[in-house]
C-alpha cells in the first residue's frame, strides 16, 4: 500500500490555475447560450422583415389592380370613341398598351406576393401548400418615434448577445493567459510518500 502527496509551488500552483479548465468550460457554455440567442434574434428579425414585405406586397397588388381597372375603363372609353370616329386609332392603341402594361404589373405583383408569402412560411416552418392564406392584419404605425440614444446604447451594451459573447471570449483569453504564464514557471514540487508492505 502506498500513499503520496504532491504539492506544486511554482508551475501548477494556486487555485486560480487549477480552476482554469473549469472556468473556461463554464464560459464556453455561456458563449453557446449567447450564440443561440443571436440565432434566435436573427430568426425573429427575419420573420418580422418578411411579415412587412408581405404587407407591402399586398399593398402593391392592390395598387396595381386599381391602376389596371382604371386603365381598362379608360381603354373602353377611348375604344368607344374610336369606333364612333371621334378618336384616332393611335389613342386607342396607346390606351390598350397601357392596359396590358398594368395587367402585367398585376401579375408581377401577384408573383412577388406569393414569393414573399412562401419565404415567410419557410421561416415560420409552415407547409407551402396547406390551403391557408397568410394576410398581415397589422398596419404599420404612423406615430412619431423618438429614441434616447444614450439609453439605447447602454441597453445594447448589456443585452446584445454578440457583445456578451465578445466579453466571454475576452474572459476566456484572460484565463488562458494566466494558465500559460503559469506553465512558463519552473517545476518545483514538494512530494511525500508513505509505503507499507
N, C-alpha and C. Protein backbone atom coordinates (compact mmCIF):
# COMPACT_ATOMS: atom_id res chain seq x y z
N UNK A 1 0.84 -1.16 0.00
CA UNK A 1 0.00 0.00 0.00
C UNK A 1 0.89 1.23 0.00
N UNK A 2 0.48 2.23 -0.76
CA UNK A 2 1.29 3.44 -0.87
C UNK A 2 0.39 4.65 -0.88
N UNK A 3 0.76 5.67 -0.15
CA UNK A 3 0.03 6.94 -0.10
C UNK A 3 1.03 8.03 -0.43
N UNK A 4 0.62 8.97 -1.33
CA UNK A 4 1.54 10.05 -1.68
C UNK A 4 0.82 11.38 -1.77
N UNK A 5 1.56 12.44 -1.51
CA UNK A 5 1.05 13.81 -1.61
C UNK A 5 2.06 14.59 -2.44
N UNK A 6 1.53 15.38 -3.40
CA UNK A 6 2.39 16.19 -4.25
C UNK A 6 1.85 17.61 -4.25
N UNK A 7 2.66 18.57 -3.83
CA UNK A 7 2.23 19.97 -3.76
C UNK A 7 3.14 20.81 -4.65
N UNK A 8 2.59 21.35 -5.79
CA UNK A 8 3.41 22.23 -6.61
C UNK A 8 3.56 23.61 -5.96
N UNK A 9 4.74 24.21 -6.12
CA UNK A 9 4.99 25.55 -5.58
C UNK A 9 5.08 26.61 -6.67
N UNK A 10 5.54 26.28 -7.85
CA UNK A 10 5.65 27.27 -8.91
C UNK A 10 4.70 26.90 -10.06
N UNK A 11 5.09 26.01 -10.95
CA UNK A 11 4.22 25.62 -12.06
C UNK A 11 3.07 24.77 -11.54
N UNK A 12 1.84 25.18 -11.88
CA UNK A 12 0.65 24.44 -11.46
C UNK A 12 0.18 24.76 -10.06
N UNK A 13 0.77 25.77 -9.42
CA UNK A 13 0.38 26.12 -8.05
C UNK A 13 -0.74 27.15 -8.06
N UNK A 14 -1.61 27.09 -7.12
CA UNK A 14 -2.66 28.09 -6.94
C UNK A 14 -4.02 27.60 -7.41
N UNK A 15 -5.03 28.07 -6.72
CA UNK A 15 -6.40 27.65 -7.04
C UNK A 15 -6.85 28.21 -8.38
N UNK A 16 -6.37 29.42 -8.71
CA UNK A 16 -6.79 30.03 -9.97
C UNK A 16 -6.31 29.22 -11.18
N UNK A 17 -5.10 28.68 -11.08
CA UNK A 17 -4.56 27.88 -12.19
C UNK A 17 -5.27 26.55 -12.28
N UNK A 18 -5.56 25.94 -11.17
CA UNK A 18 -6.22 24.63 -11.21
C UNK A 18 -7.70 24.74 -11.61
N UNK A 19 -8.29 25.91 -11.36
CA UNK A 19 -9.69 26.10 -11.75
C UNK A 19 -9.85 26.57 -13.19
N UNK A 20 -8.77 26.92 -13.87
CA UNK A 20 -8.85 27.47 -15.23
C UNK A 20 -9.65 26.59 -16.18
N UNK A 21 -9.41 25.28 -16.26
CA UNK A 21 -10.22 24.47 -17.20
C UNK A 21 -11.72 24.49 -16.88
N UNK A 22 -12.06 24.53 -15.61
CA UNK A 22 -13.48 24.57 -15.22
C UNK A 22 -14.10 25.90 -15.60
N UNK A 23 -13.35 26.99 -15.34
CA UNK A 23 -13.86 28.33 -15.67
C UNK A 23 -14.02 28.47 -17.19
N UNK A 24 -13.04 27.99 -17.96
CA UNK A 24 -13.13 28.07 -19.42
C UNK A 24 -14.32 27.25 -19.93
N UNK A 25 -14.57 26.09 -19.35
CA UNK A 25 -15.72 25.28 -19.76
C UNK A 25 -17.03 26.00 -19.46
N UNK A 26 -17.11 26.66 -18.30
CA UNK A 26 -18.32 27.41 -17.95
C UNK A 26 -18.51 28.59 -18.91
N UNK A 27 -17.43 29.26 -19.24
CA UNK A 27 -17.51 30.39 -20.17
C UNK A 27 -17.95 29.91 -21.55
N UNK A 28 -17.43 28.76 -21.99
CA UNK A 28 -17.86 28.21 -23.28
C UNK A 28 -19.35 27.89 -23.29
N UNK A 29 -19.88 27.45 -22.15
CA UNK A 29 -21.32 27.22 -22.04
C UNK A 29 -22.09 28.53 -22.20
N UNK A 30 -21.60 29.59 -21.57
CA UNK A 30 -22.25 30.90 -21.70
C UNK A 30 -22.18 31.41 -23.14
N UNK A 31 -21.05 31.15 -23.79
CA UNK A 31 -20.91 31.57 -25.19
C UNK A 31 -21.88 30.81 -26.08
N UNK A 32 -22.09 29.53 -25.80
CA UNK A 32 -23.06 28.77 -26.59
C UNK A 32 -24.47 29.33 -26.41
N UNK A 33 -24.80 29.72 -25.18
CA UNK A 33 -26.11 30.32 -24.92
C UNK A 33 -26.26 31.63 -25.69
N UNK A 34 -25.22 32.46 -25.68
CA UNK A 34 -25.31 33.73 -26.41
C UNK A 34 -25.38 33.50 -27.92
N UNK A 35 -24.74 32.45 -28.43
CA UNK A 35 -24.85 32.13 -29.86
C UNK A 35 -26.27 31.68 -30.22
N UNK A 36 -26.89 30.93 -29.33
CA UNK A 36 -28.29 30.52 -29.54
C UNK A 36 -29.20 31.74 -29.52
N UNK A 37 -28.95 32.65 -28.58
CA UNK A 37 -29.75 33.89 -28.52
C UNK A 37 -29.57 34.71 -29.80
N UNK A 38 -28.35 34.78 -30.32
CA UNK A 38 -28.11 35.52 -31.55
C UNK A 38 -28.87 34.89 -32.71
N UNK A 39 -28.83 33.57 -32.82
CA UNK A 39 -29.55 32.89 -33.90
C UNK A 39 -31.06 33.10 -33.77
N UNK A 40 -31.56 33.03 -32.55
CA UNK A 40 -32.99 33.25 -32.32
C UNK A 40 -33.38 34.67 -32.66
N UNK A 41 -32.55 35.61 -32.26
CA UNK A 41 -32.82 37.02 -32.55
C UNK A 41 -32.84 37.27 -34.06
N UNK A 42 -31.91 36.67 -34.79
CA UNK A 42 -31.88 36.83 -36.24
C UNK A 42 -33.11 36.20 -36.88
N UNK A 43 -33.54 35.05 -36.36
CA UNK A 43 -34.71 34.40 -36.93
C UNK A 43 -35.96 35.25 -36.72
N UNK A 44 -36.13 35.79 -35.51
CA UNK A 44 -37.30 36.63 -35.24
C UNK A 44 -37.24 37.89 -36.10
N UNK A 45 -36.05 38.46 -36.25
CA UNK A 45 -35.89 39.64 -37.09
C UNK A 45 -36.26 39.33 -38.54
N UNK A 46 -35.81 38.18 -39.04
CA UNK A 46 -36.14 37.79 -40.42
C UNK A 46 -37.64 37.58 -40.60
N UNK A 47 -38.29 36.98 -39.61
CA UNK A 47 -39.74 36.78 -39.69
C UNK A 47 -40.45 38.13 -39.73
N UNK A 48 -40.00 39.05 -38.89
CA UNK A 48 -40.63 40.38 -38.88
C UNK A 48 -40.42 41.11 -40.21
N UNK A 49 -39.23 41.05 -40.74
CA UNK A 49 -38.96 41.71 -42.03
C UNK A 49 -39.81 41.10 -43.13
N UNK A 50 -39.91 39.77 -43.16
CA UNK A 50 -40.72 39.10 -44.19
C UNK A 50 -42.21 39.43 -44.01
N UNK A 51 -42.64 39.57 -42.76
CA UNK A 51 -44.03 39.95 -42.50
C UNK A 51 -44.35 41.29 -43.14
N UNK A 52 -43.46 42.27 -42.95
CA UNK A 52 -43.72 43.59 -43.51
C UNK A 52 -43.51 43.60 -45.02
N UNK A 53 -42.64 42.74 -45.55
CA UNK A 53 -42.53 42.62 -47.01
C UNK A 53 -43.84 42.08 -47.58
N UNK A 54 -44.42 41.10 -46.89
CA UNK A 54 -45.71 40.56 -47.34
C UNK A 54 -46.79 41.63 -47.28
N UNK A 55 -46.78 42.44 -46.23
CA UNK A 55 -47.74 43.54 -46.11
C UNK A 55 -47.59 44.50 -47.29
N UNK A 56 -46.34 44.84 -47.61
CA UNK A 56 -46.09 45.74 -48.74
C UNK A 56 -46.53 45.09 -50.06
N UNK A 57 -46.34 43.78 -50.18
CA UNK A 57 -46.75 43.09 -51.41
C UNK A 57 -48.26 43.18 -51.61
N UNK A 58 -49.02 43.06 -50.52
CA UNK A 58 -50.48 43.20 -50.63
C UNK A 58 -50.84 44.62 -51.06
N UNK A 59 -50.14 45.60 -50.50
CA UNK A 59 -50.39 46.98 -50.90
C UNK A 59 -50.05 47.19 -52.38
N UNK A 60 -48.91 46.65 -52.82
CA UNK A 60 -48.51 46.79 -54.22
C UNK A 60 -49.52 46.13 -55.14
N UNK A 61 -50.04 44.96 -54.73
CA UNK A 61 -51.03 44.26 -55.55
C UNK A 61 -52.31 45.09 -55.66
N UNK A 62 -52.77 45.64 -54.55
CA UNK A 62 -53.99 46.46 -54.59
C UNK A 62 -53.79 47.69 -55.47
N UNK A 63 -52.63 48.32 -55.37
CA UNK A 63 -52.35 49.50 -56.19
C UNK A 63 -52.32 49.13 -57.67
N UNK A 64 -51.68 47.99 -57.98
CA UNK A 64 -51.61 47.55 -59.38
C UNK A 64 -53.00 47.21 -59.91
N UNK A 65 -53.87 46.62 -59.07
CA UNK A 65 -55.23 46.30 -59.51
C UNK A 65 -56.02 47.57 -59.80
N UNK A 66 -55.86 48.56 -58.95
CA UNK A 66 -56.58 49.83 -59.17
C UNK A 66 -56.11 50.47 -60.47
N UNK A 67 -54.79 50.46 -60.70
CA UNK A 67 -54.26 51.03 -61.94
C UNK A 67 -54.76 50.25 -63.15
N UNK A 68 -54.79 48.91 -63.05
CA UNK A 68 -55.28 48.09 -64.16
C UNK A 68 -56.75 48.38 -64.45
N UNK A 69 -57.57 48.41 -63.39
CA UNK A 69 -59.00 48.63 -63.58
C UNK A 69 -59.27 50.02 -64.15
N UNK A 70 -58.53 51.01 -63.67
CA UNK A 70 -58.71 52.37 -64.19
C UNK A 70 -58.30 52.45 -65.65
N UNK A 71 -57.17 51.81 -66.00
CA UNK A 71 -56.74 51.84 -67.40
C UNK A 71 -57.70 51.05 -68.30
N UNK A 72 -58.34 50.02 -67.76
CA UNK A 72 -59.31 49.27 -68.54
C UNK A 72 -60.54 50.13 -68.84
N UNK A 73 -60.98 50.89 -67.83
CA UNK A 73 -62.13 51.79 -68.04
C UNK A 73 -61.77 52.85 -69.08
N UNK A 74 -60.54 53.39 -68.96
CA UNK A 74 -60.10 54.41 -69.92
C UNK A 74 -60.01 53.81 -71.33
N UNK A 75 -59.49 52.60 -71.44
CA UNK A 75 -59.37 51.96 -72.75
C UNK A 75 -60.75 51.74 -73.37
N UNK A 76 -61.72 51.26 -72.57
CA UNK A 76 -63.08 51.06 -73.10
C UNK A 76 -63.70 52.38 -73.58
N UNK A 77 -63.46 53.41 -72.79
CA UNK A 77 -64.00 54.73 -73.17
C UNK A 77 -63.38 55.21 -74.48
N UNK A 78 -62.05 55.09 -74.59
CA UNK A 78 -61.37 55.54 -75.81
C UNK A 78 -61.74 54.64 -76.99
N UNK A 79 -61.93 53.35 -76.72
CA UNK A 79 -62.31 52.41 -77.78
C UNK A 79 -63.68 52.78 -78.35
N UNK A 80 -64.62 53.11 -77.47
CA UNK A 80 -65.95 53.52 -77.93
C UNK A 80 -65.86 54.81 -78.74
N UNK A 81 -65.03 55.73 -78.32
CA UNK A 81 -64.84 56.98 -79.07
C UNK A 81 -64.17 56.69 -80.42
N UNK A 82 -63.23 55.72 -80.42
CA UNK A 82 -62.57 55.34 -81.68
C UNK A 82 -63.57 54.73 -82.65
N UNK A 83 -64.45 53.86 -82.14
CA UNK A 83 -65.45 53.22 -83.02
C UNK A 83 -66.44 54.24 -83.55
N UNK A 84 -66.67 55.26 -82.75
CA UNK A 84 -67.59 56.32 -83.21
C UNK A 84 -66.89 57.29 -84.14
N UNK A 85 -65.55 57.17 -84.25
CA UNK A 85 -64.82 58.05 -85.16
C UNK A 85 -64.38 59.35 -84.54
N UNK A 86 -64.46 59.49 -83.23
CA UNK A 86 -64.07 60.74 -82.58
C UNK A 86 -62.62 60.74 -82.11
N UNK A 87 -61.98 59.57 -81.97
CA UNK A 87 -60.57 59.48 -81.55
C UNK A 87 -59.79 58.72 -82.60
N UNK A 88 -58.51 59.08 -82.80
CA UNK A 88 -57.70 58.34 -83.78
C UNK A 88 -57.33 56.95 -83.25
N UNK A 89 -56.89 56.11 -84.16
CA UNK A 89 -56.51 54.73 -83.80
C UNK A 89 -55.31 54.72 -82.86
N UNK A 90 -54.45 55.72 -82.99
CA UNK A 90 -53.26 55.79 -82.12
C UNK A 90 -53.65 55.94 -80.65
N UNK A 91 -54.68 56.69 -80.35
CA UNK A 91 -55.14 56.85 -78.97
C UNK A 91 -55.65 55.53 -78.41
N UNK A 92 -56.40 54.81 -79.26
CA UNK A 92 -56.92 53.50 -78.81
C UNK A 92 -55.77 52.52 -78.57
N UNK A 93 -54.78 52.53 -79.47
CA UNK A 93 -53.62 51.63 -79.31
C UNK A 93 -52.82 51.98 -78.06
N UNK A 94 -52.69 53.26 -77.81
CA UNK A 94 -51.97 53.69 -76.60
C UNK A 94 -52.70 53.24 -75.34
N UNK A 95 -54.01 53.41 -75.31
CA UNK A 95 -54.81 53.01 -74.15
C UNK A 95 -54.76 51.50 -73.95
N UNK A 96 -54.81 50.73 -75.04
CA UNK A 96 -54.73 49.27 -74.96
C UNK A 96 -53.36 48.84 -74.42
N UNK A 97 -52.31 49.48 -74.94
CA UNK A 97 -50.96 49.15 -74.48
C UNK A 97 -50.81 49.46 -72.98
N UNK A 98 -51.37 50.57 -72.56
CA UNK A 98 -51.29 50.92 -71.14
C UNK A 98 -52.05 49.91 -70.28
N UNK A 99 -53.21 49.47 -70.76
CA UNK A 99 -53.96 48.46 -70.02
C UNK A 99 -53.16 47.18 -69.87
N UNK A 100 -52.55 46.69 -70.93
CA UNK A 100 -51.78 45.44 -70.85
C UNK A 100 -50.51 45.61 -70.01
N UNK A 101 -49.96 46.81 -70.01
CA UNK A 101 -48.81 47.07 -69.13
C UNK A 101 -49.23 46.96 -67.66
N UNK A 102 -50.37 47.56 -67.33
CA UNK A 102 -50.84 47.48 -65.94
C UNK A 102 -51.29 46.07 -65.58
N UNK A 103 -51.84 45.33 -66.56
CA UNK A 103 -52.21 43.95 -66.29
C UNK A 103 -50.97 43.09 -66.00
N UNK A 104 -49.88 43.34 -66.72
CA UNK A 104 -48.62 42.64 -66.45
C UNK A 104 -48.08 43.03 -65.07
N UNK A 105 -48.29 44.30 -64.68
CA UNK A 105 -47.84 44.74 -63.35
C UNK A 105 -48.63 44.01 -62.25
N UNK A 106 -49.91 43.75 -62.48
CA UNK A 106 -50.71 43.00 -61.51
C UNK A 106 -50.18 41.57 -61.38
N UNK A 107 -49.86 40.96 -62.51
CA UNK A 107 -49.33 39.59 -62.47
C UNK A 107 -47.98 39.53 -61.77
N UNK A 108 -47.13 40.54 -62.02
CA UNK A 108 -45.83 40.59 -61.34
C UNK A 108 -46.02 40.81 -59.84
N UNK A 109 -46.94 41.69 -59.46
CA UNK A 109 -47.20 41.94 -58.04
C UNK A 109 -47.73 40.67 -57.37
N UNK A 110 -48.56 39.91 -58.08
CA UNK A 110 -49.09 38.66 -57.52
C UNK A 110 -47.97 37.63 -57.34
N UNK A 111 -47.04 37.55 -58.30
CA UNK A 111 -45.88 36.66 -58.15
C UNK A 111 -45.02 37.06 -56.96
N UNK A 112 -44.78 38.37 -56.82
CA UNK A 112 -43.99 38.85 -55.68
C UNK A 112 -44.68 38.53 -54.36
N UNK A 113 -46.01 38.67 -54.34
CA UNK A 113 -46.76 38.35 -53.13
C UNK A 113 -46.61 36.88 -52.77
N UNK A 114 -46.73 36.00 -53.75
CA UNK A 114 -46.59 34.56 -53.48
C UNK A 114 -45.16 34.23 -53.03
N UNK A 115 -44.17 34.86 -53.64
CA UNK A 115 -42.79 34.62 -53.22
C UNK A 115 -42.56 35.07 -51.78
N UNK A 116 -43.07 36.26 -51.43
CA UNK A 116 -42.90 36.75 -50.05
C UNK A 116 -43.64 35.88 -49.05
N UNK A 117 -44.83 35.40 -49.45
CA UNK A 117 -45.58 34.52 -48.55
C UNK A 117 -44.83 33.20 -48.36
N UNK A 118 -44.27 32.66 -49.43
CA UNK A 118 -43.50 31.41 -49.30
C UNK A 118 -42.26 31.58 -48.43
N UNK A 119 -41.58 32.72 -48.56
CA UNK A 119 -40.42 32.97 -47.71
C UNK A 119 -40.82 33.06 -46.24
N UNK A 120 -41.94 33.73 -45.97
CA UNK A 120 -42.43 33.81 -44.59
C UNK A 120 -42.83 32.44 -44.08
N UNK A 121 -43.50 31.65 -44.90
CA UNK A 121 -43.87 30.29 -44.50
C UNK A 121 -42.63 29.45 -44.19
N UNK A 122 -41.61 29.58 -45.01
CA UNK A 122 -40.37 28.83 -44.79
C UNK A 122 -39.75 29.20 -43.44
N UNK A 123 -39.70 30.48 -43.14
CA UNK A 123 -39.11 30.91 -41.86
C UNK A 123 -39.96 30.47 -40.67
N UNK A 124 -41.27 30.42 -40.85
CA UNK A 124 -42.16 30.03 -39.76
C UNK A 124 -42.34 28.53 -39.65
N UNK A 125 -41.81 27.78 -40.63
CA UNK A 125 -41.93 26.33 -40.60
C UNK A 125 -43.29 25.82 -41.02
N UNK A 126 -44.01 26.59 -41.83
CA UNK A 126 -45.33 26.18 -42.31
C UNK A 126 -45.19 25.55 -43.69
N UNK A 127 -46.09 24.64 -43.99
CA UNK A 127 -46.09 23.99 -45.30
C UNK A 127 -46.48 25.00 -46.37
N UNK A 128 -45.85 24.94 -47.54
CA UNK A 128 -46.19 25.92 -48.58
C UNK A 128 -47.57 25.71 -49.19
N UNK A 129 -48.15 24.53 -49.03
CA UNK A 129 -49.44 24.27 -49.66
C UNK A 129 -50.42 23.69 -48.63
N UNK A 130 -50.63 24.42 -47.55
CA UNK A 130 -51.56 23.92 -46.54
C UNK A 130 -52.98 24.46 -46.73
N UNK A 131 -53.19 25.21 -47.81
CA UNK A 131 -54.53 25.69 -48.12
C UNK A 131 -54.92 26.96 -47.39
N UNK A 132 -54.04 27.49 -46.59
CA UNK A 132 -54.33 28.73 -45.87
C UNK A 132 -53.58 29.89 -46.49
N UNK A 133 -54.13 31.07 -46.32
CA UNK A 133 -53.53 32.28 -46.85
C UNK A 133 -53.00 33.10 -45.68
N UNK A 134 -51.78 33.58 -45.80
CA UNK A 134 -51.24 34.46 -44.77
C UNK A 134 -51.49 35.90 -45.23
N UNK A 135 -52.26 36.61 -44.43
CA UNK A 135 -52.58 38.00 -44.75
C UNK A 135 -52.27 38.83 -43.50
N UNK A 136 -51.31 39.74 -43.58
CA UNK A 136 -50.99 40.56 -42.40
C UNK A 136 -52.21 41.36 -41.94
N UNK A 137 -52.42 41.34 -40.63
CA UNK A 137 -53.57 42.05 -40.08
C UNK A 137 -53.19 43.39 -39.47
N UNK A 138 -51.93 43.58 -39.17
CA UNK A 138 -51.49 44.84 -38.56
C UNK A 138 -51.12 45.85 -39.63
N UNK A 139 -51.32 47.09 -39.29
CA UNK A 139 -50.88 48.19 -40.14
C UNK A 139 -49.64 48.81 -39.50
N UNK A 140 -48.72 49.30 -40.31
CA UNK A 140 -47.55 49.95 -39.72
C UNK A 140 -47.97 51.19 -38.94
N UNK A 141 -47.27 51.41 -37.85
CA UNK A 141 -47.62 52.57 -37.02
C UNK A 141 -47.18 53.86 -37.70
N UNK A 142 -47.99 54.86 -37.56
CA UNK A 142 -47.67 56.17 -38.14
C UNK A 142 -47.20 57.14 -37.06
N UNK A 143 -47.14 56.66 -35.82
CA UNK A 143 -46.73 57.53 -34.72
C UNK A 143 -45.26 57.88 -34.84
N UNK A 144 -44.94 59.07 -34.45
CA UNK A 144 -43.54 59.51 -34.46
C UNK A 144 -42.82 58.87 -33.28
N UNK A 145 -41.66 58.32 -33.55
CA UNK A 145 -40.87 57.64 -32.53
C UNK A 145 -39.58 58.41 -32.33
N UNK A 146 -39.31 58.77 -31.09
CA UNK A 146 -38.05 59.44 -30.78
C UNK A 146 -37.26 58.55 -29.83
N UNK A 147 -35.99 58.34 -30.16
CA UNK A 147 -35.15 57.44 -29.40
C UNK A 147 -34.21 58.22 -28.51
N UNK A 148 -33.99 57.69 -27.31
CA UNK A 148 -32.97 58.21 -26.42
C UNK A 148 -31.72 57.36 -26.67
N UNK A 149 -30.80 57.89 -27.47
CA UNK A 149 -29.68 57.10 -27.94
C UNK A 149 -28.75 56.67 -26.81
N UNK A 150 -28.62 57.46 -25.76
CA UNK A 150 -27.78 57.06 -24.64
C UNK A 150 -28.36 55.85 -23.92
N UNK A 151 -29.67 55.84 -23.74
CA UNK A 151 -30.33 54.70 -23.10
C UNK A 151 -30.23 53.46 -23.99
N UNK A 152 -30.42 53.64 -25.29
CA UNK A 152 -30.32 52.51 -26.21
C UNK A 152 -28.91 51.94 -26.22
N UNK A 153 -27.92 52.81 -26.20
CA UNK A 153 -26.53 52.36 -26.18
C UNK A 153 -26.24 51.56 -24.92
N UNK A 154 -26.68 52.08 -23.77
CA UNK A 154 -26.45 51.36 -22.50
C UNK A 154 -27.14 50.00 -22.51
N UNK A 155 -28.37 49.95 -23.02
CA UNK A 155 -29.10 48.68 -23.09
C UNK A 155 -28.44 47.70 -24.05
N UNK A 156 -27.95 48.22 -25.17
CA UNK A 156 -27.30 47.34 -26.15
C UNK A 156 -26.01 46.76 -25.59
N UNK A 157 -25.26 47.56 -24.85
CA UNK A 157 -24.02 47.06 -24.29
C UNK A 157 -24.25 45.94 -23.28
N UNK A 158 -25.41 45.98 -22.63
CA UNK A 158 -25.72 44.96 -21.63
C UNK A 158 -26.41 43.74 -22.26
N UNK A 159 -27.32 43.97 -23.20
CA UNK A 159 -28.19 42.88 -23.64
C UNK A 159 -27.84 42.25 -24.98
N UNK A 160 -27.04 42.89 -25.81
CA UNK A 160 -26.75 42.31 -27.12
C UNK A 160 -25.93 41.04 -26.96
N UNK A 161 -26.41 39.92 -27.51
CA UNK A 161 -25.70 38.65 -27.36
C UNK A 161 -24.31 38.67 -27.99
N UNK A 162 -24.15 39.41 -29.09
CA UNK A 162 -22.83 39.46 -29.74
C UNK A 162 -21.81 40.12 -28.84
N UNK A 163 -22.22 41.19 -28.16
CA UNK A 163 -21.29 41.88 -27.25
C UNK A 163 -21.00 41.03 -26.02
N UNK A 164 -22.03 40.35 -25.50
CA UNK A 164 -21.79 39.46 -24.37
C UNK A 164 -20.84 38.34 -24.76
N UNK A 165 -21.01 37.80 -25.97
CA UNK A 165 -20.13 36.74 -26.44
C UNK A 165 -18.69 37.23 -26.52
N UNK A 166 -18.49 38.46 -26.97
CA UNK A 166 -17.13 39.00 -27.03
C UNK A 166 -16.54 39.19 -25.63
N UNK A 167 -17.38 39.61 -24.68
CA UNK A 167 -16.89 39.73 -23.29
C UNK A 167 -16.48 38.37 -22.74
N UNK A 168 -17.29 37.34 -23.03
CA UNK A 168 -16.94 35.98 -22.57
C UNK A 168 -15.67 35.51 -23.25
N UNK A 169 -15.49 35.85 -24.51
CA UNK A 169 -14.27 35.47 -25.22
C UNK A 169 -13.05 36.13 -24.60
N UNK A 170 -13.19 37.39 -24.20
CA UNK A 170 -12.07 38.08 -23.53
C UNK A 170 -11.76 37.42 -22.20
N UNK A 171 -12.80 37.04 -21.44
CA UNK A 171 -12.56 36.36 -20.16
C UNK A 171 -11.86 35.01 -20.39
N UNK A 172 -12.24 34.30 -21.45
CA UNK A 172 -11.57 33.04 -21.77
C UNK A 172 -10.10 33.27 -22.06
N UNK A 173 -9.82 34.29 -22.84
CA UNK A 173 -8.42 34.60 -23.17
C UNK A 173 -7.63 35.00 -21.92
N UNK A 174 -8.27 35.73 -21.02
CA UNK A 174 -7.59 36.10 -19.77
C UNK A 174 -7.25 34.86 -18.95
N UNK A 175 -8.20 33.92 -18.85
CA UNK A 175 -7.94 32.69 -18.10
C UNK A 175 -6.83 31.88 -18.75
N UNK A 176 -6.85 31.81 -20.07
CA UNK A 176 -5.79 31.08 -20.77
C UNK A 176 -4.43 31.75 -20.58
N UNK A 177 -4.41 33.08 -20.55
CA UNK A 177 -3.15 33.80 -20.33
C UNK A 177 -2.59 33.49 -18.95
N UNK A 178 -3.45 33.47 -17.93
CA UNK A 178 -2.99 33.11 -16.58
C UNK A 178 -2.42 31.70 -16.58
N UNK A 179 -3.12 30.77 -17.23
CA UNK A 179 -2.66 29.38 -17.26
C UNK A 179 -1.33 29.26 -17.99
N UNK A 180 -1.18 29.92 -19.14
CA UNK A 180 0.06 29.80 -19.92
C UNK A 180 1.23 30.49 -19.23
N UNK A 181 0.97 31.60 -18.55
CA UNK A 181 2.06 32.25 -17.78
C UNK A 181 2.54 31.32 -16.67
N UNK A 182 1.60 30.61 -16.08
CA UNK A 182 1.99 29.68 -15.03
C UNK A 182 2.79 28.51 -15.59
N UNK A 183 2.50 28.10 -16.82
CA UNK A 183 3.21 26.97 -17.42
C UNK A 183 4.66 27.32 -17.77
N UNK A 184 4.97 28.62 -17.86
CA UNK A 184 6.34 29.05 -18.15
C UNK A 184 7.23 28.93 -16.92
N UNK A 185 6.64 28.93 -15.73
CA UNK A 185 7.42 28.86 -14.48
C UNK A 185 8.13 27.50 -14.38
N UNK A 186 9.25 27.46 -13.66
CA UNK A 186 9.93 26.17 -13.47
C UNK A 186 9.13 25.24 -12.56
N UNK A 187 9.39 23.99 -12.71
CA UNK A 187 8.69 22.97 -11.92
C UNK A 187 9.36 22.84 -10.56
N UNK A 188 8.64 23.09 -9.48
CA UNK A 188 9.14 22.91 -8.12
C UNK A 188 7.99 22.34 -7.28
N UNK A 189 8.13 21.06 -6.95
CA UNK A 189 7.06 20.37 -6.22
C UNK A 189 7.62 19.80 -4.93
N UNK A 190 6.79 19.70 -3.94
CA UNK A 190 7.12 19.02 -2.69
C UNK A 190 6.30 17.73 -2.68
N UNK A 191 6.97 16.62 -2.52
CA UNK A 191 6.28 15.34 -2.54
C UNK A 191 6.56 14.53 -1.28
N UNK A 192 5.58 13.81 -0.84
CA UNK A 192 5.74 12.94 0.33
C UNK A 192 5.04 11.62 0.04
N UNK A 193 5.71 10.52 0.40
CA UNK A 193 5.16 9.17 0.18
C UNK A 193 5.22 8.38 1.47
N UNK A 194 4.26 7.54 1.65
CA UNK A 194 4.27 6.58 2.75
C UNK A 194 3.96 5.24 2.16
N UNK A 195 4.86 4.28 2.40
CA UNK A 195 4.67 2.93 1.88
C UNK A 195 4.57 1.94 3.01
N UNK A 196 3.68 1.00 2.80
CA UNK A 196 3.54 -0.11 3.78
C UNK A 196 3.42 -1.39 3.00
N UNK A 197 4.28 -2.31 3.26
CA UNK A 197 4.29 -3.57 2.55
C UNK A 197 3.90 -4.67 3.53
